[in-house]
Amino acid sequence: MVVLYAFAPLFLGFELWQLVIAERYVGIKQIERGTDPRELGLGQVTAAAWTLALLAYWAWLFLMLFQPWGRLQVLLMILVFTGGFLLRRGCGLKWLLVVLTFEGSIRIGMLLSLCALAWRRLL
């Protein structure tokens, strides 16, 4: 199932997009205004697209657990996803962006590692 490794750059782009969106919706300007974007609703199309992308991401991570190499990176990404979710649920608005940025940077690092690993294996 070498084709699974081809999805790593796609999810790397998704992670970068999430960081940009997080800065836009939970950035310094939002913190200064005192509005919590978690209380605002997303549009149906945006929410559906985001949910489907996250479900595909989780399915890909689950399938990657059964691959012969890269299992440690995938396991760490799953732990970061879970830990980040639990932290975000309990933290205030000021710490939300910090948690999102830290969580995203770890996942981006693991995805870069998977991309490099796949590149070396395929050559």
C-alpha atoms as a PDB file:
ATOM      1  CA  MET A   1       0.000   0.000   0.000  1.00  0.00           C
ATOM      2  CA  VAL A   2       2.663   2.474  -1.038  1.00  0.00           C
ATOM      3  CA  VAL A   3      -0.098   4.710  -2.389  1.00  0.00           C
ATOM      4  CA  LEU A   4      -0.997   5.696   1.192  1.00  0.00           C
ATOM      5  CA  TYR A   5       2.287   7.571   1.503  1.00  0.00           C
ATOM      6  CA  ALA A   6       1.302   9.738  -1.466  1.00  0.00           C
ATOM      7  CA  PHE A   7      -1.388  11.352   0.694  1.00  0.00           C
ATOM      8  CA  ALA A   8       1.185  12.787   3.142  1.00  0.00           C
ATOM      9  CA  PRO A   9       1.817  15.955   1.049  1.00  0.00           C
ATOM     10  CA  LEU A  10      -1.943  16.470   0.707  1.00  0.00           C
ATOM     11  CA  PHE A  11      -2.413  16.366   4.467  1.00  0.00           C
ATOM     12  CA  LEU A  12       0.665  18.558   4.900  1.00  0.00           C
ATOM     13  CA  GLY A  13      -1.109  21.207   2.827  1.00  0.00           C
ATOM     14  CA  PHE A  14      -4.240  20.698   4.910  1.00  0.00           C
ATOM     15  CA  GLU A  15      -2.248  21.258   8.116  1.00  0.00           C
ATOM     16  CA  LEU A  16      -0.752  24.476   6.754  1.00  0.00           C
ATOM     17  CA  TRP A  17      -4.233  25.625   5.718  1.00  0.00           C
ATOM     18  CA  GLN A  18      -5.528  24.874   9.224  1.00  0.00           C
ATOM     19  CA  LEU A  19      -2.793  27.027  10.765  1.00  0.00           C
ATOM     20  CA  VAL A  20      -3.692  29.941   8.494  1.00  0.00           C
ATOM     21  CA  ILE A  21      -7.393  29.573   9.279  1.00  0.00           C
ATOM     22  CA  ALA A  22      -6.656  29.277  13.004  1.00  0.00           C
ATOM     23  CA  GLU A  23      -4.713  32.547  12.930  1.00  0.00           C
ATOM     24  CA  ARG A  24      -7.535  34.204  11.027  1.00  0.00           C
ATOM     25  CA  TYR A  25     -10.342  33.079  13.325  1.00  0.00           C
ATOM     26  CA  VAL A  26      -8.524  32.855  16.664  1.00  0.00           C
ATOM     27  CA  GLY A  27      -5.778  35.402  16.066  1.00  0.00           C
ATOM     28  CA  ILE A  28      -4.650  38.393  18.060  1.00  0.00           C
ATOM     29  CA  LYS A  29      -7.425  40.587  16.643  1.00  0.00           C
ATOM     30  CA  GLN A  30     -10.084  38.183  17.883  1.00  0.00           C
ATOM     31  CA  ILE A  31      -8.442  38.003  21.297  1.00  0.00           C
ATOM     32  CA  GLU A  32      -8.363  41.820  21.523  1.00  0.00           C
ATOM     33  CA  ARG A  33     -12.072  41.980  20.643  1.00  0.00           C
ATOM     34  CA  GLY A  34     -12.850  39.352  23.245  1.00  0.00           C
ATOM     35  CA  THR A  35     -15.000  37.292  20.876  1.00  0.00           C
ATOM     36  CA  ASP A  36     -14.687  33.548  21.088  1.00  0.00           C
ATOM     37  CA  PRO A  37     -15.039  32.057  17.593  1.00  0.00           C
ATOM     38  CA  ARG A  38     -15.850  28.668  19.110  1.00  0.00           C
ATOM     39  CA  GLU A  39     -19.233  30.117  20.056  1.00  0.00           C
ATOM     40  CA  LEU A  40     -19.932  31.303  16.522  1.00  0.00           C
ATOM     41  CA  GLY A  41     -21.276  28.790  14.053  1.00  0.00           C
ATOM     42  CA  LEU A  42     -19.572  27.865  10.803  1.00  0.00           C
ATOM     43  CA  GLY A  43     -21.430  27.828   7.535  1.00  0.00           C
ATOM     44  CA  GLN A  44     -22.846  24.448   6.566  1.00  0.00           C
ATOM     45  CA  VAL A  45     -20.584  24.015   3.552  1.00  0.00           C
ATOM     46  CA  THR A  46     -17.455  24.984   5.497  1.00  0.00           C
ATOM     47  CA  ALA A  47     -18.374  22.751   8.424  1.00  0.00           C
ATOM     48  CA  ALA A  48     -19.135  19.819   6.131  1.00  0.00           C
ATOM     49  CA  ALA A  49     -15.891  20.222   4.151  1.00  0.00           C
ATOM     50  CA  TRP A  50     -13.822  20.557   7.315  1.00  0.00           C
ATOM     51  CA  THR A  51     -15.483  17.533   8.925  1.00  0.00           C
ATOM     52  CA  LEU A  52     -15.012  15.379   5.835  1.00  0.00           C
ATOM     53  CA  ALA A  53     -11.358  16.406   5.590  1.00  0.00           C
ATOM     54  CA  LEU A  54     -10.775  15.540   9.246  1.00  0.00           C
ATOM     55  CA  LEU A  55     -12.529  12.190   8.859  1.00  0.00           C
ATOM     56  CA  ALA A  56     -10.377  11.396   5.828  1.00  0.00           C
ATOM     57  CA  TYR A  57      -7.291  12.445   7.809  1.00  0.00           C
ATOM     58  CA  TRP A  58      -8.210  10.115  10.689  1.00  0.00           C
ATOM     59  CA  ALA A  59      -8.969   7.238   8.298  1.00  0.00           C
ATOM     60  CA  TRP A  60      -5.592   7.771   6.625  1.00  0.00           C
ATOM     61  CA  LEU A  61      -3.836   7.803  10.018  1.00  0.00           C
ATOM     62  CA  PHE A  62      -5.589   4.575  11.007  1.00  0.00           C
ATOM     63  CA  LEU A  63      -4.545   2.869   7.758  1.00  0.00           C
ATOM     64  CA  MET A  64      -0.992   4.176   8.130  1.00  0.00           C
ATOM     65  CA  LEU A  65      -0.700   2.417  11.504  1.00  0.00           C
ATOM     66  CA  PHE A  66      -0.560  -0.878   9.598  1.00  0.00           C
ATOM     67  CA  GLN A  67       2.232   0.176   7.242  1.00  0.00           C
ATOM     68  CA  PRO A  68       5.734  -1.225   7.745  1.00  0.00           C
ATOM     69  CA  TRP A  69       7.469   2.152   8.180  1.00  0.00           C
ATOM     70  CA  GLY A  70       6.387   5.487   9.562  1.00  0.00           C
ATOM     71  CA  ARG A  71       4.300   3.955  12.323  1.00  0.00           C
ATOM     72  CA  LEU A  72       5.998   5.998  15.059  1.00  0.00           C
ATOM     73  CA  GLN A  73       5.258   9.300  13.304  1.00  0.00           C
ATOM     74  CA  VAL A  74       1.615   8.315  12.826  1.00  0.00           C
ATOM     75  CA  LEU A  75       1.249   7.227  16.432  1.00  0.00           C
ATOM     76  CA  LEU A  76       2.710  10.530  17.618  1.00  0.00           C
ATOM     77  CA  MET A  77       0.310  12.437  15.339  1.00  0.00           C
ATOM     78  CA  ILE A  78      -2.656  10.560  16.804  1.00  0.00           C
ATOM     79  CA  LEU A  79      -1.458  11.348  20.333  1.00  0.00           C
ATOM     80  CA  VAL A  80      -0.974  15.030  19.444  1.00  0.00           C
ATOM     81  CA  PHE A  81      -4.440  15.185  17.849  1.00  0.00           C
ATOM     82  CA  THR A  82      -6.025  13.681  20.951  1.00  0.00           C
ATOM     83  CA  GLY A  83      -4.006  15.714  23.455  1.00  0.00           C
ATOM     84  CA  GLY A  84      -4.566  18.930  21.517  1.00  0.00           C
ATOM     85  CA  PHE A  85      -8.303  18.304  21.380  1.00  0.00           C
ATOM     86  CA  LEU A  86      -8.458  17.758  25.133  1.00  0.00           C
ATOM     87  CA  LEU A  87      -6.382  20.883  25.820  1.00  0.00           C
ATOM     88  CA  ARG A  88      -8.417  23.048  23.448  1.00  0.00           C
ATOM     89  CA  ARG A  89     -11.668  22.019  25.075  1.00  0.00           C
ATOM     90  CA  GLY A  90     -10.514  23.261  28.464  1.00  0.00           C
ATOM     91  CA  CYS A  91      -8.360  26.277  27.694  1.00  0.00           C
ATOM     92  CA  GLY A  92      -9.386  29.896  27.395  1.00  0.00           C
ATOM     93  CA  LEU A  93      -9.301  31.985  24.258  1.00  0.00           C
ATOM     94  CA  LYS A  94      -5.831  33.392  24.967  1.00  0.00           C
ATOM     95  CA  TRP A  95      -4.261  29.933  25.043  1.00  0.00           C
ATOM     96  CA  LEU A  96      -6.264  28.502  22.177  1.00  0.00           C
ATOM     97  CA  LEU A  97      -4.008  29.904  19.457  1.00  0.00           C
ATOM     98  CA  VAL A  98      -0.899  28.735  21.326  1.00  0.00           C
ATOM     99  CA  VAL A  99      -2.247  25.183  21.588  1.00  0.00           C
ATOM    100  CA  LEU A 100      -3.350  25.157  17.940  1.00  0.00           C
ATOM    101  CA  THR A 101       0.028  26.425  16.735  1.00  0.00           C
ATOM    102  CA  PHE A 102       2.021  23.996  18.853  1.00  0.00           C
ATOM    103  CA  GLU A 103      -0.202  21.078  17.896  1.00  0.00           C
ATOM    104  CA  GLY A 104      -0.060  21.969  14.193  1.00  0.00           C
ATOM    105  CA  SER A 105       3.707  22.404  14.190  1.00  0.00           C
ATOM    106  CA  ILE A 106       4.254  18.931  15.641  1.00  0.00           C
ATOM    107  CA  ARG A 107       1.909  17.350  13.104  1.00  0.00           C
ATOM    108  CA  ILE A 108       3.578  19.275  10.258  1.00  0.00           C
ATOM    109  CA  GLY A 109       6.959  17.999  11.433  1.00  0.00           C
ATOM    110  CA  MET A 110       5.703  14.421  11.498  1.00  0.00           C
ATOM    111  CA  LEU A 111       4.157  14.804   8.035  1.00  0.00           C
ATOM    112  CA  LEU A 112       7.436  16.203   6.693  1.00  0.00           C
ATOM    113  CA  SER A 113       9.194  13.216   8.217  1.00  0.00           C
ATOM    114  CA  LEU A 114       6.720  10.854   6.527  1.00  0.00           C
ATOM    115  CA  CYS A 115       7.205  12.636   3.188  1.00  0.00           C
ATOM    116  CA  ALA A 116      10.995  12.317   3.485  1.00  0.00           C
ATOM    117  CA  LEU A 117      10.699   8.674   4.512  1.00  0.00           C
ATOM    118  CA  ALA A 118       8.459   7.895   1.562  1.00  0.00           C
ATOM    119  CA  TRP A 119      10.738   9.798  -0.800  1.00  0.00           C
ATOM    120  CA  ARG A 120      13.770   7.785   0.338  1.00  0.00           C
ATOM    121  CA  ARG A 121      11.888   4.481   0.094  1.00  0.00           C
ATOM    122  CA  LEU A 122      10.550   5.202  -3.366  1.00  0.00           C
ATOM    123  CA  LEU A 123      13.923   6.173  -4.825  1.00  0.00           C
END
